Amino acid sequence: MIARIWYGWTSHENAEKYEKLLREEVLLEIAKRSIPGYRGAEIFVREAENDEMEFITLLRFDTIDAVRTFAGKNHEVPVIPPECKKLLKRHSEKSRHYRTIPIN
C-alpha cells in the first residue's frame, strides 16, 4: 500500500470552507474517478503556528502506478483544484509517497 501525503495551510476564517470543500467535493470526485488501486482518503487538521490551520491529506493506493494514474507522470506534483488554491495560504510543493507497513 502507498500513502500519498500532502500539506496545506489556510487561515482560521477559511478552514471550515476548505474542510467542507475537501470532504464534500474534492475527495468525492476522486472516488468517482474509479481509479484502479485507489483505496480512500483521510484528512488530518490541526491548529498551526502563525494563526493558520494545517491540513494533511492522505490518499491510499495499492501501487505507485495507481498514484500515477491519479496524479500523472510527474506524480510528486500536488493535484490542487483551483477552488482549493483560493482558500489556501500556502502548501507543500510536492506530495510525498510512503510504502505502508501493516502491523498485525
PDB file of N, CA and C in Angstrom:
ATOM      1  N   MET A   1       0.860  -1.182   0.000  1.00  0.00           N
ATOM      2  CA  MET A   1       0.000   0.000   0.000  1.00  0.00           C
ATOM      3  C   MET A   1       0.901   1.238   0.000  1.00  0.00           C
ATOM      4  N   ILE A   2       0.495   2.242  -0.760  1.00  0.00           N
ATOM      5  CA  ILE A   2       1.219   3.504  -0.847  1.00  0.00           C
ATOM      6  C   ILE A   2       0.350   4.600  -0.238  1.00  0.00           C
ATOM      7  N   ALA A   3       0.945   5.389   0.654  1.00  0.00           N
ATOM      8  CA  ALA A   3       0.268   6.549   1.231  1.00  0.00           C
ATOM      9  C   ALA A   3       0.808   7.800   0.549  1.00  0.00           C
ATOM     10  N   ARG A   4      -0.082   8.575  -0.024  1.00  0.00           N
ATOM     11  CA  ARG A   4       0.287   9.855  -0.656  1.00  0.00           C
ATOM     12  C   ARG A   4      -0.096  10.950   0.335  1.00  0.00           C
ATOM     13  N   ILE A   5       0.891  11.705   0.792  1.00  0.00           N
ATOM     14  CA  ILE A   5       0.664  12.705   1.841  1.00  0.00           C
ATOM     15  C   ILE A   5       1.021  14.088   1.307  1.00  0.00           C
ATOM     16  N   TRP A   6       0.161  15.042   1.629  1.00  0.00           N
ATOM     17  CA  TRP A   6       0.330  16.415   1.158  1.00  0.00           C
ATOM     18  C   TRP A   6      -0.158  17.369   2.240  1.00  0.00           C
ATOM     19  N   TYR A   7       0.523  18.526   2.364  1.00  0.00           N
ATOM     20  CA  TYR A   7       0.212  19.523   3.379  1.00  0.00           C
ATOM     21  C   TYR A   7      -0.291  20.814   2.749  1.00  0.00           C
ATOM     22  N   GLY A   8      -1.301  21.407   3.400  1.00  0.00           N
ATOM     23  CA  GLY A   8      -1.778  22.726   3.014  1.00  0.00           C
ATOM     24  C   GLY A   8      -2.163  23.508   4.261  1.00  0.00           C
ATOM     25  N   TRP A   9      -1.994  24.829   4.207  1.00  0.00           N
ATOM     26  CA  TRP A   9      -2.330  25.687   5.335  1.00  0.00           C
ATOM     27  C   TRP A   9      -3.302  26.754   4.888  1.00  0.00           C
ATOM     28  N   THR A  10      -4.288  27.014   5.731  1.00  0.00           N
ATOM     29  CA  THR A  10      -5.283  28.034   5.441  1.00  0.00           C
ATOM     30  C   THR A  10      -5.490  28.889   6.682  1.00  0.00           C
ATOM     31  N   SER A  11      -6.189  29.978   6.520  1.00  0.00           N
ATOM     32  CA  SER A  11      -6.500  30.832   7.662  1.00  0.00           C
ATOM     33  C   SER A  11      -7.610  30.184   8.494  1.00  0.00           C
ATOM     34  N   HIS A  12      -7.746  30.628   9.722  1.00  0.00           N
ATOM     35  CA  HIS A  12      -8.852  30.146  10.555  1.00  0.00           C
ATOM     36  C   HIS A  12     -10.188  30.453   9.884  1.00  0.00           C
ATOM     37  N   GLU A  13     -10.268  31.619   9.244  1.00  0.00           N
ATOM     38  CA  GLU A  13     -11.509  32.044   8.600  1.00  0.00           C
ATOM     39  C   GLU A  13     -11.905  31.114   7.450  1.00  0.00           C
ATOM     40  N   ASN A  14     -10.920  30.562   6.755  1.00  0.00           N
ATOM     41  CA  ASN A  14     -11.207  29.705   5.602  1.00  0.00           C
ATOM     42  C   ASN A  14     -11.194  28.211   5.919  1.00  0.00           C
ATOM     43  N   ALA A  15     -10.828  27.855   7.137  1.00  0.00           N
ATOM     44  CA  ALA A  15     -10.655  26.439   7.486  1.00  0.00           C
ATOM     45  C   ALA A  15     -11.933  25.622   7.301  1.00  0.00           C
ATOM     46  N   GLU A  16     -13.046  26.117   7.767  1.00  0.00           N
ATOM     47  CA  GLU A  16     -14.293  25.367   7.653  1.00  0.00           C
ATOM     48  C   GLU A  16     -14.702  25.195   6.186  1.00  0.00           C
ATOM     49  N   LYS A  17     -14.558  26.249   5.398  1.00  0.00           N
ATOM     50  CA  LYS A  17     -14.887  26.176   3.969  1.00  0.00           C
ATOM     51  C   LYS A  17     -13.976  25.170   3.263  1.00  0.00           C
ATOM     52  N   TYR A  18     -12.693  25.210   3.599  1.00  0.00           N
ATOM     53  CA  TYR A  18     -11.737  24.311   2.956  1.00  0.00           C
ATOM     54  C   TYR A  18     -12.030  22.854   3.320  1.00  0.00           C
ATOM     55  N   GLU A  19     -12.286  22.602   4.590  1.00  0.00           N
ATOM     56  CA  GLU A  19     -12.611  21.244   5.026  1.00  0.00           C
ATOM     57  C   GLU A  19     -13.866  20.730   4.316  1.00  0.00           C
ATOM     58  N   LYS A  20     -14.876  21.560   4.241  1.00  0.00           N
ATOM     59  CA  LYS A  20     -16.118  21.168   3.575  1.00  0.00           C
ATOM     60  C   LYS A  20     -15.873  20.885   2.093  1.00  0.00           C
ATOM     61  N   LEU A  21     -15.080  21.714   1.446  1.00  0.00           N
ATOM     62  CA  LEU A  21     -14.756  21.518   0.034  1.00  0.00           C
ATOM     63  C   LEU A  21     -14.027  20.187  -0.172  1.00  0.00           C
ATOM     64  N   LEU A  22     -13.067  19.889   0.693  1.00  0.00           N
ATOM     65  CA  LEU A  22     -12.360  18.613   0.596  1.00  0.00           C
ATOM     66  C   LEU A  22     -13.320  17.438   0.773  1.00  0.00           C
ATOM     67  N   ARG A  23     -14.106  17.475   1.856  1.00  0.00           N
ATOM     68  CA  ARG A  23     -14.992  16.352   2.189  1.00  0.00           C
ATOM     69  C   ARG A  23     -16.115  16.162   1.184  1.00  0.00           C
ATOM     70  N   GLU A  24     -16.754  17.252   0.801  1.00  0.00           N
ATOM     71  CA  GLU A  24     -17.987  17.155   0.035  1.00  0.00           C
ATOM     72  C   GLU A  24     -17.801  17.243  -1.479  1.00  0.00           C
ATOM     73  N   GLU A  25     -16.629  17.651  -1.929  1.00  0.00           N
ATOM     74  CA  GLU A  25     -16.427  17.768  -3.375  1.00  0.00           C
ATOM     75  C   GLU A  25     -15.151  17.064  -3.839  1.00  0.00           C
ATOM     76  N   VAL A  26     -14.003  17.535  -3.389  1.00  0.00           N
ATOM     77  CA  VAL A  26     -12.733  17.060  -3.938  1.00  0.00           C
ATOM     78  C   VAL A  26     -12.541  15.561  -3.745  1.00  0.00           C
ATOM     79  N   LEU A  27     -12.667  15.083  -2.521  1.00  0.00           N
ATOM     80  CA  LEU A  27     -12.425  13.658  -2.272  1.00  0.00           C
ATOM     81  C   LEU A  27     -13.521  12.777  -2.878  1.00  0.00           C
ATOM     82  N   LEU A  28     -14.735  13.285  -2.944  1.00  0.00           N
ATOM     83  CA  LEU A  28     -15.805  12.529  -3.613  1.00  0.00           C
ATOM     84  C   LEU A  28     -15.538  12.416  -5.115  1.00  0.00           C
ATOM     85  N   GLU A  29     -15.025  13.489  -5.717  1.00  0.00           N
ATOM     86  CA  GLU A  29     -14.699  13.451  -7.148  1.00  0.00           C
ATOM     87  C   GLU A  29     -13.581  12.458  -7.436  1.00  0.00           C
ATOM     88  N   ILE A  30     -12.591  12.398  -6.535  1.00  0.00           N
ATOM     89  CA  ILE A  30     -11.520  11.410  -6.708  1.00  0.00           C
ATOM     90  C   ILE A  30     -12.113  10.006  -6.660  1.00  0.00           C
ATOM     91  N   ALA A  31     -12.970   9.754  -5.697  1.00  0.00           N
ATOM     92  CA  ALA A  31     -13.596   8.427  -5.580  1.00  0.00           C
ATOM     93  C   ALA A  31     -14.422   8.095  -6.822  1.00  0.00           C
ATOM     94  N   LYS A  32     -15.119   9.084  -7.379  1.00  0.00           N
ATOM     95  CA  LYS A  32     -15.956   8.859  -8.564  1.00  0.00           C
ATOM     96  C   LYS A  32     -15.135   8.503  -9.801  1.00  0.00           C
ATOM     97  N   ARG A  33     -13.855   8.836  -9.794  1.00  0.00           N
ATOM     98  CA  ARG A  33     -12.996   8.510 -10.946  1.00  0.00           C
ATOM     99  C   ARG A  33     -12.749   7.004 -11.063  1.00  0.00           C
ATOM    100  N   SER A  34     -13.047   6.273 -10.008  1.00  0.00           N
ATOM    101  CA  SER A  34     -12.880   4.810 -10.005  1.00  0.00           C
ATOM    102  C   SER A  34     -11.488   4.392 -10.483  1.00  0.00           C
ATOM    103  N   ILE A  35     -10.486   5.025  -9.938  1.00  0.00           N
ATOM    104  CA  ILE A  35      -9.098   4.713 -10.291  1.00  0.00           C
ATOM    105  C   ILE A  35      -8.768   3.335  -9.737  1.00  0.00           C
ATOM    106  N   PRO A  36      -8.340   2.405 -10.591  1.00  0.00           N
ATOM    107  CA  PRO A  36      -7.952   1.082 -10.078  1.00  0.00           C
ATOM    108  C   PRO A  36      -6.821   1.224  -9.066  1.00  0.00           C
ATOM    109  N   GLY A  37      -7.018   0.658  -7.889  1.00  0.00           N
ATOM    110  CA  GLY A  37      -5.998   0.724  -6.848  1.00  0.00           C
ATOM    111  C   GLY A  37      -6.153   1.870  -5.873  1.00  0.00           C
ATOM    112  N   TYR A  38      -7.126   2.770  -6.076  1.00  0.00           N
ATOM    113  CA  TYR A  38      -7.387   3.837  -5.100  1.00  0.00           C
ATOM    114  C   TYR A  38      -8.159   3.236  -3.940  1.00  0.00           C
ATOM    115  N   ARG A  39      -7.703   3.487  -2.712  1.00  0.00           N
ATOM    116  CA  ARG A  39      -8.297   2.861  -1.531  1.00  0.00           C
ATOM    117  C   ARG A  39      -8.847   3.842  -0.502  1.00  0.00           C
ATOM    118  N   GLY A  40      -9.026   5.091  -0.875  1.00  0.00           N
ATOM    119  CA  GLY A  40      -9.659   6.030   0.045  1.00  0.00           C
ATOM    120  C   GLY A  40      -8.707   7.094   0.553  1.00  0.00           C
ATOM    121  N   ALA A  41      -9.247   7.937   1.424  1.00  0.00           N
ATOM    122  CA  ALA A  41      -8.503   9.105   1.894  1.00  0.00           C
ATOM    123  C   ALA A  41      -8.858   9.436   3.330  1.00  0.00           C
ATOM    124  N   GLU A  42      -7.989  10.210   3.934  1.00  0.00           N
ATOM    125  CA  GLU A  42      -8.227  10.767   5.267  1.00  0.00           C
ATOM    126  C   GLU A  42      -7.744  12.201   5.271  1.00  0.00           C
ATOM    127  N   ILE A  43      -8.339  13.002   6.142  1.00  0.00           N
ATOM    128  CA  ILE A  43      -7.926  14.387   6.331  1.00  0.00           C
ATOM    129  C   ILE A  43      -7.521  14.545   7.795  1.00  0.00           C
ATOM    130  N   PHE A  44      -6.386  15.179   8.014  1.00  0.00           N
ATOM    131  CA  PHE A  44      -5.922  15.498   9.358  1.00  0.00           C
ATOM    132  C   PHE A  44      -5.866  17.019   9.469  1.00  0.00           C
ATOM    133  N   VAL A  45      -6.342  17.554  10.589  1.00  0.00           N
ATOM    134  CA  VAL A  45      -6.391  19.006  10.769  1.00  0.00           C
ATOM    135  C   VAL A  45      -5.858  19.357  12.145  1.00  0.00           C
ATOM    136  N   ARG A  46      -5.082  20.440  12.193  1.00  0.00           N
ATOM    137  CA  ARG A  46      -4.627  20.945  13.488  1.00  0.00           C
ATOM    138  C   ARG A  46      -4.408  22.445  13.409  1.00  0.00           C
ATOM    139  N   GLU A  47      -4.503  23.081  14.576  1.00  0.00           N
ATOM    140  CA  GLU A  47      -4.173  24.491  14.654  1.00  0.00           C
ATOM    141  C   GLU A  47      -2.656  24.605  14.585  1.00  0.00           C
ATOM    142  N   ALA A  48      -2.182  25.427  13.688  1.00  0.00           N
ATOM    143  CA  ALA A  48      -0.744  25.575  13.479  1.00  0.00           C
ATOM    144  C   ALA A  48      -0.273  26.937  13.976  1.00  0.00           C
ATOM    145  N   GLU A  49       1.000  27.183  13.786  1.00  0.00           N
ATOM    146  CA  GLU A  49       1.559  28.479  14.155  1.00  0.00           C
ATOM    147  C   GLU A  49       1.089  29.546  13.175  1.00  0.00           C
ATOM    148  N   ASN A  50       1.377  30.784  13.493  1.00  0.00           N
ATOM    149  CA  ASN A  50       1.085  31.910  12.590  1.00  0.00           C
ATOM    150  C   ASN A  50      -0.395  32.060  12.269  1.00  0.00           C
ATOM    151  N   ASP A  51      -1.251  31.717  13.230  1.00  0.00           N
ATOM    152  CA  ASP A  51      -2.697  31.882  13.042  1.00  0.00           C
ATOM    153  C   ASP A  51      -3.197  31.135  11.805  1.00  0.00           C
ATOM    154  N   GLU A  52      -2.709  29.907  11.618  1.00  0.00           N
ATOM    155  CA  GLU A  52      -3.104  29.087  10.482  1.00  0.00           C
ATOM    156  C   GLU A  52      -3.691  27.766  10.959  1.00  0.00           C
ATOM    157  N   MET A  53      -4.420  27.130  10.054  1.00  0.00           N
ATOM    158  CA  MET A  53      -4.880  25.769  10.258  1.00  0.00           C
ATOM    159  C   MET A  53      -4.140  24.900   9.246  1.00  0.00           C
ATOM    160  N   GLU A  54      -3.576  23.806   9.734  1.00  0.00           N
ATOM    161  CA  GLU A  54      -2.833  22.891   8.883  1.00  0.00           C
ATOM    162  C   GLU A  54      -3.713  21.707   8.513  1.00  0.00           C
ATOM    163  N   PHE A  55      -3.728  21.395   7.230  1.00  0.00           N
ATOM    164  CA  PHE A  55      -4.462  20.245   6.718  1.00  0.00           C
ATOM    165  C   PHE A  55      -3.470  19.282   6.086  1.00  0.00           C
ATOM    166  N   ILE A  56      -3.615  18.026   6.416  1.00  0.00           N
ATOM    167  CA  ILE A  56      -2.840  16.983   5.769  1.00  0.00           C
ATOM    168  C   ILE A  56      -3.842  16.061   5.099  1.00  0.00           C
ATOM    169  N   THR A  57      -3.625  15.802   3.815  1.00  0.00           N
ATOM    170  CA  THR A  57      -4.458  14.806   3.145  1.00  0.00           C
ATOM    171  C   THR A  57      -3.616  13.562   2.923  1.00  0.00           C
ATOM    172  N   LEU A  58      -4.217  12.429   3.184  1.00  0.00           N
ATOM    173  CA  LEU A  58      -3.576  11.136   2.977  1.00  0.00           C
ATOM    174  C   LEU A  58      -4.473  10.339   2.053  1.00  0.00           C
ATOM    175  N   LEU A  59      -3.959  10.032   0.893  1.00  0.00           N
ATOM    176  CA  LEU A  59      -4.679   9.184  -0.059  1.00  0.00           C
ATOM    177  C   LEU A  59      -3.967   7.844  -0.109  1.00  0.00           C
ATOM    178  N   ARG A  60      -4.731   6.760  -0.156  1.00  0.00           N
ATOM    179  CA  ARG A  60      -4.155   5.415  -0.171  1.00  0.00           C
ATOM    180  C   ARG A  60      -4.344   4.773  -1.539  1.00  0.00           C
ATOM    181  N   PHE A  61      -3.257   4.160  -2.019  1.00  0.00           N
ATOM    182  CA  PHE A  61      -3.263   3.470  -3.308  1.00  0.00           C
ATOM    183  C   PHE A  61      -2.565   2.126  -3.146  1.00  0.00           C
ATOM    184  N   ASP A  62      -2.933   1.165  -3.973  1.00  0.00           N
ATOM    185  CA  ASP A  62      -2.279  -0.142  -3.945  1.00  0.00           C
ATOM    186  C   ASP A  62      -0.834  -0.077  -4.413  1.00  0.00           C
ATOM    187  N   THR A  63      -0.566   0.733  -5.446  1.00  0.00           N
ATOM    188  CA  THR A  63       0.763   0.777  -6.057  1.00  0.00           C
ATOM    189  C   THR A  63       1.100   2.193  -6.480  1.00  0.00           C
ATOM    190  N   ILE A  64       2.384   2.411  -6.775  1.00  0.00           N
ATOM    191  CA  ILE A  64       2.794   3.717  -7.285  1.00  0.00           C
ATOM    192  C   ILE A  64       2.228   3.948  -8.677  1.00  0.00           C
ATOM    193  N   ASP A  65       1.974   2.884  -9.424  1.00  0.00           N
ATOM    194  CA  ASP A  65       1.325   3.042 -10.733  1.00  0.00           C
ATOM    195  C   ASP A  65      -0.089   3.589 -10.585  1.00  0.00           C
ATOM    196  N   ALA A  66      -0.795   3.172  -9.551  1.00  0.00           N
ATOM    197  CA  ALA A  66      -2.131   3.721  -9.283  1.00  0.00           C
ATOM    198  C   ALA A  66      -2.028   5.206  -8.932  1.00  0.00           C
ATOM    199  N   VAL A  67      -0.976   5.588  -8.204  1.00  0.00           N
ATOM    200  CA  VAL A  67      -0.736   7.010  -7.901  1.00  0.00           C
ATOM    201  C   VAL A  67      -0.542   7.780  -9.197  1.00  0.00           C
ATOM    202  N   ARG A  68       0.248   7.227 -10.106  1.00  0.00           N
ATOM    203  CA  ARG A  68       0.493   7.889 -11.388  1.00  0.00           C
ATOM    204  C   ARG A  68      -0.793   8.020 -12.213  1.00  0.00           C
ATOM    205  N   THR A  69      -1.663   7.029 -12.129  1.00  0.00           N
ATOM    206  CA  THR A  69      -2.951   7.134 -12.811  1.00  0.00           C
ATOM    207  C   THR A  69      -3.735   8.321 -12.265  1.00  0.00           C
ATOM    208  N   PHE A  70      -3.656   8.530 -10.966  1.00  0.00           N
ATOM    209  CA  PHE A  70      -4.339   9.655 -10.324  1.00  0.00           C
ATOM    210  C   PHE A  70      -3.672  10.990 -10.658  1.00  0.00           C
ATOM    211  N   ALA A  71      -2.348  11.064 -10.454  1.00  0.00           N
ATOM    212  CA  ALA A  71      -1.649  12.352 -10.479  1.00  0.00           C
ATOM    213  C   ALA A  71      -0.930  12.663 -11.786  1.00  0.00           C
ATOM    214  N   GLY A  72      -0.701  11.651 -12.616  1.00  0.00           N
ATOM    215  CA  GLY A  72       0.035  11.875 -13.848  1.00  0.00           C
ATOM    216  C   GLY A  72       1.473  11.393 -13.744  1.00  0.00           C
ATOM    217  N   LYS A  73       2.189  11.537 -14.841  1.00  0.00           N
ATOM    218  CA  LYS A  73       3.553  11.031 -14.937  1.00  0.00           C
ATOM    219  C   LYS A  73       4.456  11.597 -13.841  1.00  0.00           C
ATOM    220  N   ASN A  74       4.371  12.913 -13.606  1.00  0.00           N
ATOM    221  CA  ASN A  74       5.146  13.548 -12.537  1.00  0.00           C
ATOM    222  C   ASN A  74       4.306  13.496 -11.264  1.00  0.00           C
ATOM    223  N   HIS A  75       4.249  12.320 -10.669  1.00  0.00           N
ATOM    224  CA  HIS A  75       3.305  12.052  -9.582  1.00  0.00           C
ATOM    225  C   HIS A  75       3.582  12.790  -8.281  1.00  0.00           C
ATOM    226  N   GLU A  76       4.746  13.426  -8.150  1.00  0.00           N
ATOM    227  CA  GLU A  76       5.026  14.184  -6.930  1.00  0.00           C
ATOM    228  C   GLU A  76       4.373  15.564  -6.934  1.00  0.00           C
ATOM    229  N   VAL A  77       3.981  16.033  -8.104  1.00  0.00           N
ATOM    230  CA  VAL A  77       3.318  17.334  -8.193  1.00  0.00           C
ATOM    231  C   VAL A  77       1.935  17.218  -7.557  1.00  0.00           C
ATOM    232  N   PRO A  78       1.617  18.106  -6.614  1.00  0.00           N
ATOM    233  CA  PRO A  78       0.297  18.012  -5.981  1.00  0.00           C
ATOM    234  C   PRO A  78      -0.827  18.317  -6.963  1.00  0.00           C
ATOM    235  N   VAL A  79      -1.955  17.661  -6.734  1.00  0.00           N
ATOM    236  CA  VAL A  79      -3.159  17.889  -7.539  1.00  0.00           C
ATOM    237  C   VAL A  79      -4.062  18.784  -6.695  1.00  0.00           C
ATOM    238  N   ILE A  80      -4.091  20.074  -7.044  1.00  0.00           N
ATOM    239  CA  ILE A  80      -4.842  21.049  -6.244  1.00  0.00           C
ATOM    240  C   ILE A  80      -5.864  21.741  -7.133  1.00  0.00           C
ATOM    241  N   PRO A  81      -7.148  21.460  -6.939  1.00  0.00           N
ATOM    242  CA  PRO A  81      -8.174  22.143  -7.728  1.00  0.00           C
ATOM    243  C   PRO A  81      -8.134  23.657  -7.477  1.00  0.00           C
ATOM    244  N   PRO A  82      -8.452  24.449  -8.490  1.00  0.00           N
ATOM    245  CA  PRO A  82      -8.407  25.912  -8.359  1.00  0.00           C
ATOM    246  C   PRO A  82      -9.216  26.452  -7.178  1.00  0.00           C
ATOM    247  N   GLU A  83     -10.379  25.852  -6.913  1.00  0.00           N
ATOM    248  CA  GLU A  83     -11.206  26.341  -5.807  1.00  0.00           C
ATOM    249  C   GLU A  83     -10.523  26.120  -4.456  1.00  0.00           C
ATOM    250  N   CYS A  84      -9.676  25.107  -4.362  1.00  0.00           N
ATOM    251  CA  CYS A  84      -8.903  24.875  -3.135  1.00  0.00           C
ATOM    252  C   CYS A  84      -7.776  25.886  -3.014  1.00  0.00           C
ATOM    253  N   LYS A  85      -7.093  26.138  -4.119  1.00  0.00           N
ATOM    254  CA  LYS A  85      -5.972  27.094  -4.102  1.00  0.00           C
ATOM    255  C   LYS A  85      -6.421  28.453  -3.583  1.00  0.00           C
ATOM    256  N   LYS A  86      -7.640  28.841  -3.923  1.00  0.00           N
ATOM    257  CA  LYS A  86      -8.152  30.141  -3.486  1.00  0.00           C
ATOM    258  C   LYS A  86      -8.242  30.233  -1.965  1.00  0.00           C
ATOM    259  N   LEU A  87      -8.445  29.108  -1.288  1.00  0.00           N
ATOM    260  CA  LEU A  87      -8.618  29.102   0.167  1.00  0.00           C
ATOM    261  C   LEU A  87      -7.317  28.853   0.927  1.00  0.00           C
ATOM    262  N   LEU A  88      -6.283  28.416   0.230  1.00  0.00           N
ATOM    263  CA  LEU A  88      -5.016  28.101   0.885  1.00  0.00           C
ATOM    264  C   LEU A  88      -4.117  29.328   0.982  1.00  0.00           C
ATOM    265  N   LYS A  89      -3.418  29.443   2.112  1.00  0.00           N
ATOM    266  CA  LYS A  89      -2.400  30.474   2.257  1.00  0.00           C
ATOM    267  C   LYS A  89      -1.090  30.000   1.645  1.00  0.00           C
ATOM    268  N   ARG A  90      -0.808  28.706   1.826  1.00  0.00           N
ATOM    269  CA  ARG A  90       0.409  28.105   1.285  1.00  0.00           C
ATOM    270  C   ARG A  90       0.221  26.594   1.280  1.00  0.00           C
ATOM    271  N   HIS A  91       1.141  25.890   0.618  1.00  0.00           N
ATOM    272  CA  HIS A  91       1.046  24.434   0.561  1.00  0.00           C
ATOM    273  C   HIS A  91       2.399  23.849   0.198  1.00  0.00           C
ATOM    274  N   SER A  92       2.563  22.567   0.471  1.00  0.00           N
ATOM    275  CA  SER A  92       3.803  21.892   0.087  1.00  0.00           C
ATOM    276  C   SER A  92       3.850  21.791  -1.431  1.00  0.00           C
ATOM    277  N   GLU A  93       5.058  21.890  -1.957  1.00  0.00           N
ATOM    278  CA  GLU A  93       5.246  21.883  -3.409  1.00  0.00           C
ATOM    279  C   GLU A  93       5.275  20.476  -3.983  1.00  0.00           C
ATOM    280  N   LYS A  94       5.448  19.477  -3.123  1.00  0.00           N
ATOM    281  CA  LYS A  94       5.477  18.087  -3.578  1.00  0.00           C
ATOM    282  C   LYS A  94       4.622  17.228  -2.658  1.00  0.00           C
ATOM    283  N   SER A  95       4.010  16.244  -3.243  1.00  0.00           N
ATOM    284  CA  SER A  95       3.355  15.202  -2.448  1.00  0.00           C
ATOM    285  C   SER A  95       4.417  14.151  -2.157  1.00  0.00           C
ATOM    286  N   ARG A  96       4.340  13.565  -0.981  1.00  0.00           N
ATOM    287  CA  ARG A  96       5.295  12.519  -0.613  1.00  0.00           C
ATOM    288  C   ARG A  96       4.576  11.181  -0.617  1.00  0.00           C
ATOM    289  N   HIS A  97       5.334  10.154  -0.941  1.00  0.00           N
ATOM    290  CA  HIS A  97       4.759   8.814  -1.057  1.00  0.00           C
ATOM    291  C   HIS A  97       5.533   7.853  -0.174  1.00  0.00           C
ATOM    292  N   TYR A  98       4.778   7.093   0.625  1.00  0.00           N
ATOM    293  CA  TYR A  98       5.368   6.151   1.564  1.00  0.00           C
ATOM    294  C   TYR A  98       4.749   4.784   1.368  1.00  0.00           C
ATOM    295  N   ARG A  99       5.571   3.784   1.460  1.00  0.00           N
ATOM    296  CA  ARG A  99       5.070   2.418   1.482  1.00  0.00           C
ATOM    297  C   ARG A  99       4.589   2.165   2.911  1.00  0.00           C
ATOM    298  N   THR A 100       3.376   1.703   3.063  1.00  0.00           N
ATOM    299  CA  THR A 100       2.854   1.444   4.404  1.00  0.00           C
ATOM    300  C   THR A 100       3.178   0.014   4.814  1.00  0.00           C
ATOM    301  N   ILE A 101       3.384  -0.167   6.112  1.00  0.00           N
ATOM    302  CA  ILE A 101       3.728  -1.478   6.653  1.00  0.00           C
ATOM    303  C   ILE A 101       2.627  -1.874   7.648  1.00  0.00           C
ATOM    304  N   PRO A 102       1.810  -2.870   7.310  1.00  0.00           N
ATOM    305  CA  PRO A 102       0.758  -3.293   8.236  1.00  0.00           C
ATOM    306  C   PRO A 102       1.363  -3.949   9.477  1.00  0.00           C
ATOM    307  N   ILE A 103       0.776  -3.652  10.615  1.00  0.00           N
ATOM    308  CA  ILE A 103       1.211  -4.242  11.871  1.00  0.00           C
ATOM    309  C   ILE A 103       0.045  -5.066  12.407  1.00  0.00           C
ATOM    310  N   ASN A 104       0.159  -6.345  12.387  1.00  0.00           N
ATOM    311  CA  ASN A 104      -0.871  -7.248  12.937  1.00  0.00           C
ATOM    312  C   ASN A 104      -0.308  -8.629  13.071  1.00  0.00           C
TER     313      ASN A 104
END
